[in-house]
Structure formats: C-alpha cells, structure tokens
Protein backbone atom coordinates (compact mmCIF):
# COMPACT_ATOMS: atom_id res chain seq x y z
CA MET A 1 0.12 0.10 -0.06
CA ARG A 2 1.02 3.53 -0.56
CA PHE A 3 -0.28 6.43 1.06
CA ILE A 4 -0.24 10.06 0.62
CA VAL A 5 -1.14 12.36 4.14
CA ASP A 6 -1.55 15.67 4.34
CA GLY A 7 0.55 18.13 6.60
CA MET A 8 -1.55 17.94 9.74
CA LEU A 9 -0.46 14.07 9.98
CA GLY A 10 2.90 14.41 10.44
CA GLY A 11 3.11 11.84 13.31
CA LEU A 12 0.97 9.31 11.52
CA ALA A 13 3.40 9.32 8.59
CA ARG A 14 6.30 8.87 11.02
CA TRP A 15 4.74 6.08 12.54
CA LEU A 16 3.58 4.28 8.61
CA ARG A 17 6.58 4.42 7.95
CA ILE A 18 8.06 2.71 11.01
CA LEU A 19 5.14 -0.21 10.21
CA GLY A 20 6.83 -0.77 7.03
CA GLN A 21 4.22 1.41 4.55
CA GLU A 22 5.22 3.57 1.95
CA VAL A 23 4.14 7.01 2.80
CA VAL A 24 4.66 10.55 0.76
CA TYR A 25 4.34 13.38 3.36
CA ASP A 26 5.41 17.18 2.50
CA LYS A 27 3.53 19.42 5.03
CA THR A 28 4.17 22.51 2.48
CA ARG A 29 2.09 20.48 -0.24
CA ASN A 30 -1.61 22.15 -1.23
CA ASP A 31 -4.73 19.96 -1.29
CA ASN A 32 -4.34 20.20 -4.92
CA ALA A 33 -0.77 18.68 -5.37
CA LEU A 34 -2.18 16.33 -2.38
CA LEU A 35 -5.13 14.91 -4.74
CA ASN A 36 -3.45 15.08 -8.25
CA ARG A 37 -0.32 12.88 -6.70
CA ALA A 38 -2.65 10.43 -5.12
CA ILE A 39 -4.68 10.02 -8.73
CA LYS A 40 -1.33 9.89 -10.69
CA ASP A 41 0.47 7.50 -8.12
CA LYS A 42 -2.72 5.72 -7.33
CA MET A 43 -2.07 6.37 -3.50
CA ILE A 44 -4.53 6.31 -0.61
CA LEU A 45 -4.95 9.97 0.52
CA LEU A 46 -5.13 9.95 4.77
CA THR A 47 -6.48 13.21 5.40
CA ARG A 48 -7.69 15.28 8.57
CA ASP A 49 -9.72 17.91 6.50
CA GLU A 50 -13.17 16.87 5.62
CA GLU A 51 -13.60 19.45 2.53
CA LEU A 52 -10.29 17.49 1.04
CA CYS A 53 -12.02 14.05 1.83
CA GLN A 54 -14.71 15.12 0.00
CA ARG A 55 -13.40 16.38 -2.74
CA ALA A 56 -11.16 13.23 -2.54
CA THR A 57 -14.41 11.12 -3.12
CA ALA A 58 -15.72 13.13 -6.36
CA LYS A 59 -12.41 12.13 -7.82
CA ARG A 60 -12.41 8.89 -6.83
CA VAL A 61 -9.25 8.78 -4.75
CA THR A 62 -9.16 5.92 -2.15
CA LYS A 63 -8.89 8.13 1.23
CA LEU A 64 -9.61 7.87 4.99
CA LEU A 65 -10.79 11.04 6.90
CA VAL A 66 -8.80 10.54 10.31
CA THR A 67 -10.82 11.53 12.71
CA GLU A 68 -9.25 10.81 15.65
CA LEU A 69 -6.89 13.03 18.28
CA ARG A 70 -4.43 10.80 19.94
CA GLU A 71 -1.48 8.97 18.08
CA GLU A 72 -2.31 5.41 19.10
CA GLU A 73 -5.99 6.16 17.90
CA ARG A 74 -5.25 7.13 14.62
CA ILE A 75 -2.51 4.60 14.10
CA ALA A 76 -5.52 1.64 15.08
CA GLN A 77 -8.13 3.73 12.63
CA VAL A 78 -5.52 3.47 9.76
CA ALA A 79 -4.10 0.03 10.74
CA LYS A 80 -8.30 -1.24 11.27
CA ARG A 81 -9.05 0.49 7.93
CA PHE A 82 -6.15 -1.31 5.66
CA ARG A 83 -5.84 -3.75 7.54
CA LEU A 84 -2.12 -3.39 8.67
CA SER A 85 -0.21 -5.43 11.02
CA LEU A 86 1.30 -3.02 14.00
CA GLU A 87 4.34 -5.44 14.29
CA VAL A 88 7.64 -3.50 13.48
CA ASP A 89 10.07 -5.46 11.07
CA MET A 90 13.02 -3.65 11.07
CA ALA A 91 13.83 -5.73 7.55
CA LYS A 92 10.42 -3.62 6.20
CA THR A 93 11.01 -0.22 8.43
CA ARG A 94 11.27 2.67 6.55
CA CYS A 95 12.88 5.72 7.61
CA PRO A 96 10.70 7.76 9.74
CA GLU A 97 11.77 11.17 8.52
CA CYS A 98 12.43 10.79 4.56
CA GLY A 99 10.63 7.27 3.94
CA LYS A 100 13.42 5.39 2.31
CA ASP A 101 14.39 2.16 3.13
CA LEU A 102 17.08 1.07 5.59
CA ARG A 103 19.49 -1.04 5.25
CA LYS A 104 21.20 -2.95 8.13
CA THR A 105 25.12 -1.40 8.87
CA PRO A 106 27.67 -2.70 10.52
CA ARG A 107 29.29 -0.33 13.61
CA SER A 108 32.25 0.00 11.81
CA GLU A 109 30.54 1.70 9.07
CA ILE A 110 28.50 4.23 11.31
CA SER A 111 30.80 4.71 14.52
CA HIS A 112 31.18 8.32 13.53
CA LYS A 113 27.36 8.68 13.28
CA VAL A 114 26.24 7.21 16.21
CA PRO A 115 26.87 8.33 20.18
CA ALA A 116 29.99 5.99 21.88
CA LYS A 117 27.31 4.83 24.72
CA SER A 118 25.13 3.43 21.98
CA LEU A 119 27.76 2.18 19.64
CA ALA A 120 29.02 0.29 23.23
CA LEU A 121 25.06 -0.93 24.29
CA TYR A 122 23.74 -2.28 21.21
CA GLU A 123 24.71 -4.57 18.70
CA GLU A 124 22.33 -3.80 15.53
CA PHE A 125 22.14 -0.41 13.43
CA TRP A 126 20.11 0.46 10.49
CA GLU A 127 21.23 3.40 8.47
CA CYS A 128 18.67 5.43 5.52
CA LYS A 129 19.69 4.44 2.25
CA ASN A 130 18.86 8.18 1.23
CA PRO A 131 22.41 10.00 1.33
CA GLU A 132 20.52 13.30 1.85
CA CYS A 133 19.34 11.66 5.05
CA ALA A 134 21.39 8.87 6.08
CA LYS A 135 20.42 8.93 9.67
CA VAL A 136 21.17 6.00 11.51
CA TYR A 137 19.18 3.87 13.98
CA TRP A 138 18.90 1.17 16.51
CA ILE A 139 16.49 -0.25 19.23
CA GLY A 140 17.58 1.73 21.98
CA GLY A 141 15.95 3.05 25.23
CA HIS A 142 13.34 4.98 23.12
CA TRP A 143 11.93 1.42 22.22
CA ARG A 144 10.05 1.03 24.73
CA GLN A 145 7.65 4.07 23.99
CA ILE A 146 7.45 2.10 20.44
CA THR A 147 5.86 -0.78 21.78
CA SER A 148 3.99 0.76 24.31
CA THR A 149 2.11 3.02 21.81
CA LEU A 150 2.03 0.03 19.61
CA ALA A 151 0.42 -2.10 21.98
CA LYS A 152 -2.19 0.61 23.27
CA ALA A 153 -3.17 0.99 19.22
CA LYS A 154 -3.65 -2.72 19.16
CA LYS A 155 -6.26 -2.49 21.94
CA ILE A 156 -7.68 0.29 20.26
CA MET A 157 -7.93 -1.29 16.92
CA GLU A 158 -10.41 -4.46 18.84
CA THR A 159 -12.89 -1.24 19.83
CA ILE A 160 -13.37 0.16 16.40
CA GLN A 161 -15.86 -0.69 13.82
CA ASP A 162 -15.09 -1.55 10.51
CA THR A 163 -15.35 1.47 8.19
CA CYS A 164 -15.91 1.27 4.40
C-alpha cells in the first residue's frame, strides 16, 4: 500500500513508515497537489480535512478521514481500515524522516554517526539509504515507548468498528 498524508498528520506518517508502509508526506504540499499525486500514483489519501476528503471522494481517490486525536488512536484507525500489521519488522521499516529504505549497517560504518554509549550498548544498527538523509537507527531506550504506543493502538483497534 502507498499512502499520501496531509500536513496535519506528520506523526502518523512517521509511524506508518516505522511499520514498513510507503508514505509521501510534505507539509508544504497544498490540497490540489495532494489530490493530483494520489490520482497519478494511485495512492491512498489520509487527511484530517473534511473538505479535502469530500474532494477526494468526488475524484474517486481511496481515502480515509482521520478523525482520531491521539496518535495511538490514529494508528489504530488506519491499521483497522487498511488491515495493517502493528508489528515492527526492521527488514521492512522505512526511515521515519524521509521514507526511504533502511539497510542493516555494521558498527564500523556508522561509528562516527552514533554516540559512543549507544555503540557500546547496542549490537544492530540501520542506516537510511537516502544519502541526503543517512540517519542511523537502533533499538535503544526509546523502543519501550514505541512498543507501548503500538500495544495501545492494538487494544484500541479491537474496539473500532469496521468502516467502509
């Protein structure tokens, strides 16, 4: 699945990328540009804008009006609607920042980009394949927050009614 996300859903875009989804997010893109890209590239539009959602309906764009307020609720709403797994698979995870693929990278290649303490504590590292981004990720202390948010989203997902 390929998503295009409006400027109000940057956090959701990051979460979907962590979950391995292809997501286009550019907060400067206007509604017409979002619709045109969704049509051209057959992408699913995620928006909080009711008017944009109505315009997408008129143009027969697959879309979802994201009505939830908290991030875990938004994740659950999208996951339920599009039957997405809420499990992180680092082989599929995309860079949360730019959306490009990650590659598992040996310590020796990223030692200059990672704090010494993290190099000593963690074994596995992934680097964004986009040379303009090249951010490095590892399963560190923040992982508890990621798993907690996804666990909350899973519980919420069980309570959401299926939508068309």
